[in-house]
Amino acid sequence: MSAVYQQIIKYIDARIKEDITIAEIANVMGYSANHIYKIFKVYSPYPVMDYVRRKKLYFAANEMYSGRKLYDIALDYGYETPAGFYKAFKTTFGCSPSAYKNKMKEGISMYIDNVKNIKELDAVLAFTKVIYPTMNFVREEGKYSRQFWIDEWNKSPTLMLYAKDDTQICGIALGWEDTGNYITIAADGIDPEHKNKGIHEALLVEIQKRAQRLGHKGLVLGIMEGQEEFYASMGYTGRTLIQSEKYNIDELLAFNEQYSNYEITGTNVYDGYVNQIWLNASLLDKGLKNRYEQEIGDCWVQVIISKEF
């Protein structure tokens, strides 16, 4: 069922400016409309057509950063009148499209761009440390060190995005080319004062567009507790990843059978020394997390989400 959900998300994204109906989706996927409703009930916090409506607005918000006229954007995404677009936009983002776009009236100039030079990269990494003080996204050496980010920026500079409010960085989405032709978003987020303004959504939409233009298959990232619903609203699906450098794959499988007995969807040894098992659990099971990280110890539990193009 997860594979079908991903196919539906791809279909919606590819035709986001068209008039999409549940009957059309059901026909293309070869299922009944009722079955499509059931799939979304499992994987999305929104019914299928509500998801389509919200996704159109996320894409529309992203285009506002390009300077296009609001009327043209509204028409592109199926709104025949500005009033209908304004009402839907305000319901989703908490402000009118004009207020969202014309923040220069308040002395604000909002835009999204990718890192252009080492000075900008250092500023973005410094911002990452501020919004994720307990996370190790910028290390002294090795993976996620400053040199790592310089190397990845040299490979794919257009995938390291930031949002700026006038001269202040207020959001990031830092992607790098991982194995299997996927883009890993190592760190993404916004500062607290810019939440609920559509900036985070716009960053994710923009990095998706750029990854698609570069020919990648999809995006993958790890999320923190409580973020599941937000990413589900953007079309991502998840699995729970359990990692350990101490316990081997067989031991981790035995722990799962004893403590949770989730369906195993895959195993792996990452970088030659990190043992991993994947569980079919899209939301964080706090009891499972406590067992592995506190009772068993030397384990790390995280929900990893992905979106295929």
Protein backbone atom coordinates (compact mmCIF):
# COMPACT_ATOMS: atom_id res chain seq x y z
CA MET A 1 0.00 0.00 0.00
CA SER A 2 2.95 2.35 0.67
CA ALA A 3 4.14 1.92 -2.93
CA VAL A 4 0.69 2.89 -4.24
CA TYR A 5 0.66 5.97 -2.00
CA GLN A 6 4.04 7.04 -3.40
CA GLN A 7 2.72 6.59 -6.95
CA ILE A 8 -0.29 8.78 -6.14
CA ILE A 9 1.96 11.49 -4.68
CA LYS A 10 4.12 11.42 -7.82
CA TYR A 11 1.03 11.67 -10.00
CA ILE A 12 -0.29 14.66 -8.05
CA ASP A 13 3.05 16.48 -8.11
CA ALA A 14 3.47 15.92 -11.86
CA ARG A 15 0.02 17.40 -12.56
CA ILE A 16 -0.15 19.94 -9.76
CA LYS A 17 -1.40 22.71 -12.07
CA GLU A 18 -4.14 20.53 -13.56
CA ASP A 19 -7.70 19.90 -12.33
CA ILE A 20 -7.11 16.66 -10.40
CA THR A 21 -10.09 14.59 -9.21
CA ILE A 22 -10.37 11.52 -7.01
CA ALA A 23 -12.05 9.68 -9.89
CA GLU A 24 -9.08 10.43 -12.15
CA ILE A 25 -6.57 9.25 -9.53
CA ALA A 26 -8.53 6.05 -8.91
CA ASN A 27 -8.77 5.33 -12.63
CA VAL A 28 -5.06 5.86 -13.27
CA MET A 29 -4.04 3.76 -10.24
CA GLY A 30 -6.49 0.99 -11.04
CA TYR A 31 -8.31 1.13 -7.71
CA SER A 32 -11.68 2.32 -6.52
CA ALA A 33 -12.06 5.83 -5.11
CA ASN A 34 -12.90 4.24 -1.76
CA HIS A 35 -9.58 2.37 -1.76
CA ILE A 36 -7.70 5.62 -2.50
CA TYR A 37 -9.45 7.23 0.48
CA LYS A 38 -8.34 4.31 2.69
CA ILE A 39 -4.71 4.59 1.55
CA PHE A 40 -4.62 8.28 2.48
CA LYS A 41 -6.21 7.53 5.83
CA VAL A 42 -3.21 5.31 6.61
CA TYR A 43 -0.39 7.50 5.27
CA SER A 44 -1.59 11.12 5.32
CA PRO A 45 -3.08 13.42 7.96
CA TYR A 46 -5.38 14.78 5.22
CA PRO A 47 -8.02 13.22 2.94
CA VAL A 48 -6.81 12.89 -0.64
CA MET A 49 -8.52 15.96 -2.12
CA ASP A 50 -7.61 18.11 0.89
CA TYR A 51 -4.02 16.99 0.31
CA VAL A 52 -4.26 18.05 -3.36
CA ARG A 53 -5.65 21.46 -2.37
CA ARG A 54 -2.93 22.07 0.22
CA LYS A 55 -0.17 20.90 -2.13
CA LYS A 56 -1.34 23.32 -4.83
CA LEU A 57 -1.11 26.14 -2.28
CA TYR A 58 2.41 25.04 -1.18
CA PHE A 59 3.56 25.14 -4.80
CA ALA A 60 1.83 28.49 -5.32
CA ALA A 61 3.54 29.93 -2.22
CA ASN A 62 6.88 28.75 -3.55
CA GLU A 63 6.30 30.64 -6.81
CA MET A 64 5.68 33.89 -4.94
CA TYR A 65 9.38 34.04 -4.18
CA SER A 66 10.03 34.26 -7.94
CA GLY A 67 8.22 37.60 -8.20
CA ARG A 68 5.31 36.40 -10.38
CA LYS A 69 1.97 38.23 -10.16
CA LEU A 70 -0.48 36.77 -7.66
CA TYR A 71 -3.30 36.70 -10.22
CA ASP A 72 -1.22 34.61 -12.65
CA ILE A 73 -0.19 32.21 -9.89
CA ALA A 74 -3.80 31.79 -8.75
CA LEU A 75 -4.93 30.96 -12.30
CA ASP A 76 -2.12 28.44 -12.73
CA TYR A 77 -3.28 26.51 -9.69
CA GLY A 78 -6.95 26.38 -10.58
CA TYR A 79 -8.40 29.44 -8.85
CA GLU A 80 -10.60 31.40 -11.24
CA THR A 81 -10.98 34.38 -8.91
CA PRO A 82 -8.48 36.12 -6.62
CA ALA A 83 -11.05 35.96 -3.80
CA GLY A 84 -11.14 32.14 -3.88
CA PHE A 85 -7.36 31.95 -3.88
CA TYR A 86 -7.04 34.48 -1.05
CA LYS A 87 -9.55 32.59 1.12
CA ALA A 88 -7.89 29.18 0.61
CA PHE A 89 -4.40 30.64 1.08
CA LYS A 90 -5.30 32.42 4.31
CA THR A 91 -6.92 29.27 5.73
CA THR A 92 -3.70 27.31 5.12
CA PHE A 93 -1.00 29.89 5.90
CA GLY A 94 -2.77 32.23 8.31
CA CYS A 95 -2.30 35.32 6.16
CA SER A 96 -3.40 36.62 2.75
CA PRO A 97 -1.23 35.97 -0.33
CA SER A 98 -0.49 39.68 -0.63
CA ALA A 99 0.69 39.86 2.99
CA TYR A 100 2.77 36.74 2.42
CA LYS A 101 4.38 38.15 -0.72
CA ASN A 102 4.63 41.85 -0.02
CA LYS A 103 6.49 41.74 3.26
CA MET A 104 8.65 44.58 2.01
CA LYS A 105 5.95 46.88 3.40
CA GLU A 106 7.24 45.80 6.82
CA GLY A 107 10.85 46.23 5.79
CA ILE A 108 11.23 42.56 4.92
CA SER A 109 12.62 41.14 1.68
CA MET A 110 12.15 37.34 1.69
CA TYR A 111 13.83 35.09 -0.85
CA ILE A 112 15.17 31.56 -1.32
CA ASP A 113 18.51 30.85 -2.96
CA ASN A 114 21.34 28.33 -2.92
CA VAL A 115 24.78 28.82 -1.40
CA LYS A 116 26.99 30.76 -3.81
CA ASN A 117 30.36 30.84 -2.03
CA ILE A 118 32.26 29.64 1.05
CA LYS A 119 31.31 32.72 3.06
CA GLU A 120 27.60 31.96 2.53
CA LEU A 121 28.21 28.30 3.34
CA ASP A 122 29.84 29.21 6.66
CA ALA A 123 26.88 31.48 7.49
CA VAL A 124 24.43 28.66 6.69
CA LEU A 125 26.38 26.17 8.83
CA ALA A 126 26.46 28.66 11.71
CA PHE A 127 22.67 29.02 11.42
CA THR A 128 22.34 25.22 11.46
CA LYS A 129 24.18 25.09 14.79
CA VAL A 130 21.80 27.69 16.23
CA ILE A 131 18.54 25.94 15.32
CA TYR A 132 19.90 22.45 16.08
CA PRO A 133 22.21 23.00 19.07
CA THR A 134 22.03 19.35 20.24
CA MET A 135 22.41 17.79 16.78
CA ASN A 136 25.78 17.02 15.23
CA PHE A 137 25.22 18.46 11.74
CA VAL A 138 28.51 20.38 11.76
CA ARG A 139 31.40 18.33 13.12
CA GLU A 140 35.09 18.89 13.62
CA GLU A 141 36.09 16.17 11.15
CA GLY A 142 34.70 13.39 8.97
CA LYS A 143 31.12 13.27 7.75
CA TYR A 144 29.27 16.60 8.24
CA SER A 145 32.51 18.44 8.94
CA ARG A 146 33.05 21.83 7.33
CA GLN A 147 35.22 20.16 4.68
CA PHE A 148 32.48 17.59 4.00
CA TRP A 149 30.01 20.41 3.31
CA ILE A 150 32.53 22.23 1.12
CA ASP A 151 33.06 19.07 -0.94
CA GLU A 152 29.32 18.42 -1.31
CA TRP A 153 28.69 22.08 -2.19
CA ASN A 154 31.31 21.82 -4.94
CA LYS A 155 29.49 18.75 -6.33
CA SER A 156 25.93 20.09 -6.19
CA PRO A 157 25.75 23.74 -5.11
CA THR A 158 22.10 24.15 -6.17
CA LEU A 159 20.96 21.63 -3.53
CA MET A 160 22.15 23.66 -0.54
CA LEU A 161 19.31 26.12 0.00
CA TYR A 162 18.63 28.88 2.46
CA ALA A 163 15.83 31.38 3.01
CA LYS A 164 16.66 34.98 3.90
CA ASP A 165 14.53 37.62 5.55
CA ASP A 166 16.28 40.78 4.36
CA THR A 167 19.88 40.04 5.43
CA GLN A 168 19.03 37.39 8.05
CA ILE A 169 19.08 33.67 7.28
CA CYS A 170 15.84 32.21 8.59
CA GLY A 171 15.63 28.74 7.03
CA ILE A 172 17.69 25.98 5.41
CA ALA A 173 17.41 22.80 3.38
CA LEU A 174 20.86 21.28 2.92
CA GLY A 175 20.91 18.43 0.42
CA TRP A 176 23.72 16.20 -0.79
CA GLU A 177 23.94 13.32 -3.23
CA ASP A 178 23.69 10.03 -1.34
CA THR A 179 23.81 6.44 -2.62
CA GLY A 180 21.14 5.11 -4.96
CA ASN A 181 20.65 8.43 -6.76
CA TYR A 182 18.72 9.91 -3.83
CA ILE A 183 19.26 13.31 -2.26
CA THR A 184 19.72 13.26 1.50
CA ILE A 185 18.46 16.38 3.22
CA ALA A 186 20.87 16.36 6.13
CA ALA A 187 19.38 19.41 7.85
CA ASP A 188 16.28 21.46 7.18
CA GLY A 189 14.22 23.85 9.25
CA ILE A 190 13.50 27.46 10.16
CA ASP A 191 14.00 29.67 13.17
CA PRO A 192 11.07 29.98 15.63
CA GLU A 193 9.99 33.50 14.64
CA HIS A 194 9.45 32.43 11.02
CA LYS A 195 7.32 29.35 11.69
CA ASN A 196 3.88 28.96 10.10
CA LYS A 197 4.68 31.36 7.26
CA GLY A 198 5.11 28.74 4.53
CA ILE A 199 8.89 29.18 4.35
CA HIS A 200 9.72 25.62 5.37
CA GLU A 201 7.22 24.29 2.82
CA ALA A 202 8.69 26.52 0.12
CA LEU A 203 12.22 25.25 0.83
CA LEU A 204 11.09 21.62 0.50
CA VAL A 205 9.21 22.32 -2.72
CA GLU A 206 12.24 24.11 -4.16
CA ILE A 207 14.77 21.40 -3.29
CA GLN A 208 12.41 18.81 -4.80
CA LYS A 209 12.24 20.75 -8.06
CA ARG A 210 16.01 21.06 -8.21
CA ALA A 211 16.61 17.39 -7.40
CA GLN A 212 14.17 16.40 -10.15
CA ARG A 213 15.91 18.66 -12.68
CA LEU A 214 19.21 16.95 -11.81
CA GLY A 215 17.65 13.54 -12.50
CA HIS A 216 17.49 12.16 -8.96
CA LYS A 217 14.95 9.56 -7.83
CA GLY A 218 13.81 11.16 -4.61
CA LEU A 219 14.55 12.78 -1.25
CA VAL A 220 15.28 11.17 2.10
CA LEU A 221 15.79 12.67 5.56
CA GLY A 222 15.59 11.88 9.25
CA ILE A 223 13.02 13.71 11.34
CA MET A 224 12.60 14.55 14.99
CA GLU A 225 9.79 13.54 17.30
CA GLY A 226 6.58 15.46 16.60
CA GLN A 227 7.44 16.32 12.98
CA GLU A 228 5.66 13.35 11.38
CA GLU A 229 2.43 15.16 10.50
CA PHE A 230 4.17 18.10 8.85
CA TYR A 231 6.18 15.92 6.48
CA ALA A 232 3.20 13.65 5.79
CA SER A 233 1.35 16.77 4.66
CA MET A 234 4.15 17.29 2.11
CA GLY A 235 3.80 13.76 0.72
CA TYR A 236 6.58 11.96 2.59
CA THR A 237 6.24 8.44 4.01
CA GLY A 238 8.37 6.95 6.77
CA ARG A 239 9.92 3.89 8.32
CA THR A 240 11.64 3.51 11.68
CA LEU A 241 15.40 2.99 11.59
CA ILE A 242 17.26 1.31 14.46
CA GLN A 243 21.05 1.66 14.39
CA SER A 244 23.85 0.34 16.54
CA GLU A 245 27.62 0.10 16.37
CA LYS A 246 27.65 -2.40 19.26
CA TYR A 247 24.97 -4.93 18.27
CA ASN A 248 25.04 -6.89 15.02
CA ILE A 249 22.08 -7.35 12.66
CA ASP A 250 21.03 -10.70 14.17
CA GLU A 251 20.99 -9.22 17.67
CA LEU A 252 18.92 -6.24 16.54
CA LEU A 253 16.47 -8.60 14.82
CA ALA A 254 16.21 -10.66 18.00
CA PHE A 255 15.51 -7.53 20.05
CA ASN A 256 12.72 -6.60 17.64
CA GLU A 257 11.16 -10.05 17.90
CA GLN A 258 11.32 -9.88 21.67
CA TYR A 259 10.28 -6.28 22.31
CA SER A 260 8.10 -5.07 19.43
CA ASN A 261 7.82 -7.61 16.58
CA TYR A 262 7.32 -4.97 13.88
CA GLU A 263 7.57 -6.12 10.27
CA ILE A 264 11.20 -5.92 9.09
CA THR A 265 11.47 -4.08 5.78
CA GLY A 266 15.25 -4.18 5.39
CA THR A 267 18.68 -4.54 6.99
CA ASN A 268 21.97 -2.84 6.21
CA VAL A 269 25.49 -2.16 7.44
CA TYR A 270 26.14 1.55 6.86
CA ASP A 271 29.70 2.76 6.24
CA GLY A 272 30.90 -0.72 7.14
CA TYR A 273 30.28 -0.48 10.89
CA VAL A 274 26.80 0.89 11.68
CA ASN A 275 24.30 -1.99 11.84
CA GLN A 276 20.78 -1.06 10.80
CA ILE A 277 17.33 -2.63 10.72
CA TRP A 278 14.27 -0.99 9.18
CA LEU A 279 10.80 -1.42 10.69
CA ASN A 280 7.43 -0.84 9.07
CA ALA A 281 6.46 1.92 11.51
CA SER A 282 5.89 5.36 9.99
CA LEU A 283 5.33 7.16 13.31
CA LEU A 284 7.68 7.21 16.26
CA ASP A 285 6.85 4.51 18.82
CA LYS A 286 8.03 6.14 22.06
CA GLY A 287 7.95 2.84 23.95
CA LEU A 288 10.16 1.22 21.34
CA LYS A 289 12.54 4.19 21.35
CA ASN A 290 12.90 3.97 25.15
CA ARG A 291 13.56 0.23 25.07
CA TYR A 292 16.34 0.44 22.50
CA GLU A 293 17.99 3.67 23.61
CA GLN A 294 17.63 3.34 27.39
CA GLU A 295 16.96 -0.27 28.39
CA ILE A 296 19.15 -2.00 25.78
CA GLY A 297 21.46 0.97 25.23
CA ASP A 298 23.99 1.70 22.50
CA CYS A 299 21.18 2.06 19.94
CA TRP A 300 19.67 5.00 18.10
CA VAL A 301 16.03 5.07 16.95
CA GLN A 302 14.75 7.51 14.36
CA VAL A 303 11.96 7.85 11.81
CA ILE A 304 13.43 8.19 8.31
CA ILE A 305 11.12 9.60 5.67
CA SER A 306 11.36 9.67 1.92
CA LYS A 307 9.62 10.89 -1.19
CA GLU A 308 10.10 9.42 -4.65
CA PHE A 309 9.69 11.41 -7.87
